[in-house]
Amino acid sequence: MTILSRASLEPQEITEFLKREIQLKDVSEKILYQKVINRSAAERNLTVTAEEIQEEADKFRHENRLEKASDTLAWLADNMITSDDWEAGIRQQLLAKKLSKCLFDKDVEKFFGQNRLDFDQILLYQIIVANEKLAQELFYQIEEKEISFYQAAHIYDIDEERRQKCGFEGKLYRWNLRTDIAAIVFGVPIGQVVNPVKTPQGYHILMVERFIPAELTPERYDEILDRLFQDWLNRELNYMLHSDTMVDNVESQTAEALGQ
């Protein structure tokens, strides 16, 4: 365990580092998001109780095996925060969750229904090779069962990681794929090998192992809720920044007029 708290860091050093790493914008954006959340929660009289914070802290300690008080204190020290800092962070997380549910809980099911196709998934396997001749040869060999799809992927795919996985690409949504590829694989029969498709990456031989129809599971509910909330945060932040700019301009123009 590295005890960074013993190091001496000035705020200016941290700011300059964030600038050099091109992270200052992201950090600043998160701070401004929190301002939007705090203001909007206050307008709606949303609060987080001490009991809720304690419950969340206990859950975190259990998940991270911080069973003893000494374990928790060591974790806090290692992360350079106090117990008050930790509780403040938990409070902000819970407040954001409460606000997102307050704003969009009733909209999740409607959004899911309107965008149901976007939540269909497939288990996709693919082989990508560099030239058309090899792609066609592999396709015919797989069709004639001279070689299995998985063997061909393991031997010929241009991507080492996919070769190790015998062509397994993963569980994918339509929007994870190029539009032309998605149109093909979401309409092909399960297990059918698709004729090579050319893209800038190379020549794709595709096979869908399983189709997973969209279902509004608790996980998908949270996913949609987070998406709606993030879109709202972006709009609110843009409005806040635009409003602040307008106020600054008005104040500047007023000051100039009074000075004349």
Protein backbone atom coordinates (compact mmCIF):
# COMPACT_ATOMS: atom_id res chain seq x y z
CA MET A 1 0.00 0.00 0.00
CA THR A 2 1.50 3.35 -1.07
CA ILE A 3 0.85 6.13 1.44
CA LEU A 4 0.38 9.08 -0.91
CA SER A 5 -1.07 11.25 1.85
CA ARG A 6 2.50 11.87 3.03
CA ALA A 7 3.33 13.56 -0.26
CA SER A 8 3.09 17.32 -0.56
CA LEU A 9 0.90 18.43 -3.48
CA GLU A 10 -0.25 21.97 -4.13
CA PRO A 11 -3.70 22.60 -5.72
CA GLN A 12 -1.97 24.36 -8.60
CA GLU A 13 0.11 21.24 -9.29
CA ILE A 14 -3.04 19.14 -9.50
CA THR A 15 -4.71 21.64 -11.83
CA GLU A 16 -1.67 21.82 -14.12
CA PHE A 17 -1.46 18.03 -14.22
CA LEU A 18 -5.14 17.74 -15.20
CA LYS A 19 -4.53 20.26 -17.98
CA ARG A 20 -1.54 18.38 -19.34
CA GLU A 21 -3.44 15.09 -19.25
CA ILE A 22 -6.45 16.76 -20.92
CA GLN A 23 -8.64 15.78 -17.97
CA LEU A 24 -9.51 19.20 -16.59
CA LYS A 25 -12.62 19.53 -18.74
CA ASP A 26 -13.99 16.16 -17.59
CA VAL A 27 -13.39 16.95 -13.91
CA SER A 28 -14.88 20.43 -14.26
CA GLU A 29 -17.91 18.99 -16.03
CA LYS A 30 -18.53 16.53 -13.19
CA ILE A 31 -18.36 19.35 -10.64
CA LEU A 32 -20.87 21.39 -12.63
CA TYR A 33 -23.15 18.36 -13.00
CA GLN A 34 -23.15 18.08 -9.22
CA LYS A 35 -24.16 21.73 -8.92
CA VAL A 36 -27.10 21.06 -11.24
CA ILE A 37 -28.09 17.99 -9.22
CA ASN A 38 -27.88 19.81 -5.88
CA ARG A 39 -29.94 22.73 -7.13
CA SER A 40 -32.60 20.57 -8.77
CA ALA A 41 -32.83 18.25 -5.74
CA ALA A 42 -33.29 21.24 -3.42
CA GLU A 43 -36.08 22.59 -5.63
CA ARG A 44 -37.87 19.26 -5.25
CA ASN A 45 -37.14 18.90 -1.51
CA LEU A 46 -35.14 15.72 -2.07
CA THR A 47 -32.78 14.76 0.74
CA VAL A 48 -30.61 11.85 1.83
CA THR A 49 -30.88 10.62 5.41
CA ALA A 50 -28.06 9.52 7.69
CA GLU A 51 -29.60 6.04 7.74
CA GLU A 52 -29.46 5.80 3.96
CA ILE A 53 -25.81 6.85 3.93
CA GLN A 54 -25.01 4.28 6.62
CA GLU A 55 -26.78 1.52 4.72
CA GLU A 56 -24.85 2.31 1.54
CA ALA A 57 -21.55 2.51 3.45
CA ASP A 58 -22.21 -0.87 5.09
CA LYS A 59 -22.99 -2.38 1.69
CA PHE A 60 -19.74 -1.00 0.25
CA ARG A 61 -17.72 -2.31 3.19
CA HIS A 62 -19.23 -5.78 2.81
CA GLU A 63 -18.60 -5.89 -0.95
CA ASN A 64 -15.01 -4.76 -0.50
CA ARG A 65 -14.33 -6.93 2.56
CA LEU A 66 -13.76 -3.99 4.88
CA GLU A 67 -15.26 -5.86 7.80
CA LYS A 68 -13.17 -4.33 10.58
CA ALA A 69 -13.09 -0.66 11.51
CA SER A 70 -9.32 -0.75 11.06
CA ASP A 71 -9.77 -2.06 7.49
CA THR A 72 -12.05 0.86 6.66
CA LEU A 73 -9.68 3.41 8.21
CA ALA A 74 -6.80 1.97 6.23
CA TRP A 75 -8.86 2.15 3.02
CA LEU A 76 -9.76 5.79 3.73
CA ALA A 77 -6.12 6.67 4.38
CA ASP A 78 -4.99 4.91 1.22
CA ASN A 79 -7.51 6.94 -0.81
CA MET A 80 -6.49 10.18 0.92
CA ILE A 81 -9.98 10.94 2.24
CA THR A 82 -11.66 11.28 5.62
CA SER A 83 -14.83 9.53 6.75
CA ASP A 84 -16.65 12.85 6.21
CA ASP A 85 -15.37 13.00 2.62
CA TRP A 86 -16.57 9.45 2.02
CA GLU A 87 -20.01 10.13 3.48
CA ALA A 88 -20.30 13.30 1.38
CA GLY A 89 -19.54 11.27 -1.72
CA ILE A 90 -22.13 8.65 -0.81
CA ARG A 91 -24.66 11.40 -0.20
CA GLN A 92 -24.05 12.87 -3.66
CA GLN A 93 -24.44 9.46 -5.33
CA LEU A 94 -27.69 8.72 -3.52
CA LEU A 95 -29.02 12.21 -4.22
CA ALA A 96 -28.34 11.76 -7.94
CA LYS A 97 -30.19 8.41 -7.89
CA LYS A 98 -33.17 9.94 -6.11
CA LEU A 99 -33.31 12.84 -8.54
CA SER A 100 -33.07 10.61 -11.60
CA LYS A 101 -35.96 8.46 -10.34
CA CYS A 102 -38.00 11.53 -9.45
CA LEU A 103 -37.55 12.94 -12.94
CA PHE A 104 -37.69 9.87 -15.18
CA ASP A 105 -39.04 6.81 -13.36
CA LYS A 106 -42.32 7.01 -15.29
CA ASP A 107 -40.57 7.58 -18.62
CA VAL A 108 -38.40 4.46 -18.66
CA GLU A 109 -41.10 2.02 -19.83
CA LYS A 110 -42.27 4.44 -22.53
CA PHE A 111 -38.70 4.96 -23.78
CA PHE A 112 -38.14 1.20 -23.84
CA GLY A 113 -41.32 0.63 -25.85
CA GLN A 114 -40.43 3.32 -28.38
CA ASN A 115 -36.87 2.05 -28.81
CA ARG A 116 -37.36 -1.67 -28.30
CA LEU A 117 -35.37 -2.69 -31.38
CA ASP A 118 -32.33 -0.85 -30.04
CA PHE A 119 -32.29 -3.21 -27.05
CA ASP A 120 -32.34 -6.49 -28.98
CA GLN A 121 -28.98 -8.27 -28.71
CA ILE A 122 -27.10 -11.07 -30.42
CA LEU A 123 -24.20 -13.33 -29.56
CA LEU A 124 -21.94 -12.70 -32.54
CA TYR A 125 -18.99 -14.59 -33.94
CA GLN A 126 -16.95 -13.21 -36.80
CA ILE A 127 -13.78 -13.75 -38.79
CA ILE A 128 -12.04 -10.78 -40.40
CA VAL A 129 -9.37 -11.36 -43.03
CA ALA A 130 -7.46 -8.95 -45.21
CA ASN A 131 -8.31 -10.15 -48.72
CA GLU A 132 -11.42 -11.26 -50.58
CA LYS A 133 -9.98 -14.46 -52.02
CA LEU A 134 -9.14 -15.89 -48.60
CA ALA A 135 -12.53 -14.80 -47.25
CA GLN A 136 -14.38 -16.64 -50.03
CA GLU A 137 -12.23 -19.77 -49.64
CA LEU A 138 -12.89 -19.87 -45.89
CA PHE A 139 -16.60 -19.29 -46.40
CA TYR A 140 -16.90 -22.25 -48.81
CA GLN A 141 -14.75 -24.49 -46.59
CA ILE A 142 -16.97 -23.71 -43.61
CA GLU A 143 -20.09 -24.32 -45.71
CA GLU A 144 -18.72 -27.68 -46.89
CA LYS A 145 -17.69 -28.52 -43.31
CA GLU A 146 -14.04 -28.89 -44.33
CA ILE A 147 -13.21 -26.64 -41.39
CA SER A 148 -15.35 -25.33 -38.55
CA PHE A 149 -16.08 -21.65 -38.16
CA TYR A 150 -14.25 -21.64 -34.82
CA GLN A 151 -11.15 -23.32 -36.23
CA ALA A 152 -11.03 -20.88 -39.13
CA ALA A 153 -11.33 -17.93 -36.75
CA HIS A 154 -8.59 -19.32 -34.51
CA ILE A 155 -6.20 -19.72 -37.44
CA TYR A 156 -6.96 -16.90 -39.87
CA ASP A 157 -8.51 -13.88 -38.11
CA ILE A 158 -6.36 -10.75 -38.34
CA ASP A 159 -7.02 -9.87 -34.67
CA GLU A 160 -5.02 -11.83 -32.11
CA GLU A 161 -7.57 -11.43 -29.31
CA ARG A 162 -10.41 -12.64 -31.50
CA ARG A 163 -8.27 -15.56 -32.69
CA GLN A 164 -7.85 -16.64 -29.06
CA LYS A 165 -11.64 -16.45 -28.64
CA CYS A 166 -12.25 -18.43 -31.86
CA GLY A 167 -14.12 -15.50 -33.37
CA PHE A 168 -16.33 -14.63 -30.41
CA GLU A 169 -17.19 -10.93 -30.62
CA GLY A 170 -19.58 -10.78 -27.67
CA LYS A 171 -23.12 -9.84 -26.76
CA LEU A 172 -23.92 -6.85 -28.93
CA TYR A 173 -26.67 -4.31 -29.54
CA ARG A 174 -27.50 -3.00 -33.01
CA TRP A 175 -25.76 0.29 -32.22
CA ASN A 176 -22.53 -1.57 -31.37
CA LEU A 177 -22.21 -2.44 -35.05
CA ARG A 178 -21.90 -0.67 -38.36
CA THR A 179 -25.33 -0.03 -39.88
CA ASP A 180 -24.74 -2.37 -42.82
CA ILE A 181 -23.44 -5.17 -40.58
CA ALA A 182 -26.31 -4.75 -38.12
CA ALA A 183 -28.87 -4.96 -40.92
CA ILE A 184 -27.43 -8.32 -41.93
CA VAL A 185 -26.82 -10.06 -38.61
CA PHE A 186 -30.10 -9.07 -37.00
CA GLY A 187 -31.98 -10.68 -39.89
CA VAL A 188 -29.97 -13.83 -40.53
CA PRO A 189 -31.10 -17.26 -39.23
CA ILE A 190 -29.29 -18.48 -36.12
CA GLY A 191 -26.15 -20.46 -36.96
CA GLN A 192 -26.09 -19.51 -40.64
CA VAL A 193 -22.71 -18.33 -41.90
CA VAL A 194 -22.97 -15.06 -43.83
CA ASN A 195 -21.21 -14.41 -47.12
CA PRO A 196 -18.11 -12.21 -46.68
CA VAL A 197 -18.93 -8.53 -46.20
CA LYS A 198 -16.38 -5.87 -47.08
CA THR A 199 -15.67 -2.94 -44.73
CA PRO A 200 -12.59 -0.72 -44.18
CA GLN A 201 -11.44 -3.32 -41.62
CA GLY A 202 -11.33 -6.13 -44.18
CA TYR A 203 -13.66 -8.98 -45.18
CA HIS A 204 -16.07 -10.18 -42.48
CA ILE A 205 -17.47 -13.70 -42.23
CA LEU A 206 -20.29 -13.55 -39.70
CA MET A 207 -22.33 -16.00 -37.66
CA VAL A 208 -24.99 -15.34 -35.02
CA GLU A 209 -25.08 -17.93 -32.26
CA ARG A 210 -28.08 -16.57 -30.36
CA PHE A 211 -30.68 -13.82 -30.61
CA ILE A 212 -31.62 -12.16 -27.31
CA PRO A 213 -34.94 -10.28 -27.58
CA ALA A 214 -35.28 -7.02 -25.68
CA GLU A 215 -36.66 -7.27 -22.16
CA LEU A 216 -37.08 -4.57 -19.55
CA THR A 217 -34.96 -6.16 -16.84
CA PRO A 218 -33.88 -4.27 -13.70
CA GLU A 219 -30.45 -3.83 -15.28
CA ARG A 220 -31.96 -2.39 -18.47
CA TYR A 221 -34.24 -0.15 -16.40
CA ASP A 222 -31.15 1.31 -14.71
CA GLU A 223 -29.40 1.65 -18.08
CA ILE A 224 -32.30 3.61 -19.60
CA LEU A 225 -32.78 5.70 -16.46
CA ASP A 226 -29.09 6.64 -16.51
CA ARG A 227 -29.31 7.56 -20.20
CA LEU A 228 -32.36 9.79 -19.72
CA PHE A 229 -30.79 11.40 -16.67
CA GLN A 230 -27.48 12.05 -18.43
CA ASP A 231 -29.25 13.62 -21.41
CA TRP A 232 -31.17 15.86 -19.01
CA LEU A 233 -27.97 16.80 -17.16
CA ASN A 234 -26.32 17.81 -20.44
CA ARG A 235 -29.28 20.01 -21.37
CA GLU A 236 -29.43 21.60 -17.92
CA LEU A 237 -25.70 22.28 -17.90
CA ASN A 238 -25.83 23.88 -21.34
CA TYR A 239 -28.75 26.02 -20.24
CA MET A 240 -26.95 27.04 -17.04
CA LEU A 241 -23.76 27.98 -18.89
CA HIS A 242 -25.70 29.84 -21.55
CA SER A 243 -27.70 31.71 -18.93
CA ASP A 244 -24.57 32.63 -16.98
CA THR A 245 -22.95 33.91 -20.18
CA MET A 246 -26.00 36.04 -20.95
CA VAL A 247 -26.02 37.47 -17.42
CA ASP A 248 -22.32 38.30 -17.68
CA ASN A 249 -22.89 40.03 -21.01
CA VAL A 250 -25.80 42.07 -19.65
CA GLU A 251 -23.82 43.09 -16.58
CA SER A 252 -20.84 44.04 -18.73
CA GLN A 253 -23.00 46.11 -21.10
CA THR A 254 -24.75 47.80 -18.16
CA ALA A 255 -21.42 48.68 -16.55
CA GLU A 256 -20.19 50.14 -19.83
CA ALA A 257 -23.37 52.20 -20.23
CA LEU A 258 -23.14 53.56 -16.69
CA GLY A 259 -19.51 54.46 -17.21
CA GLN A 260 -20.26 56.62 -20.26
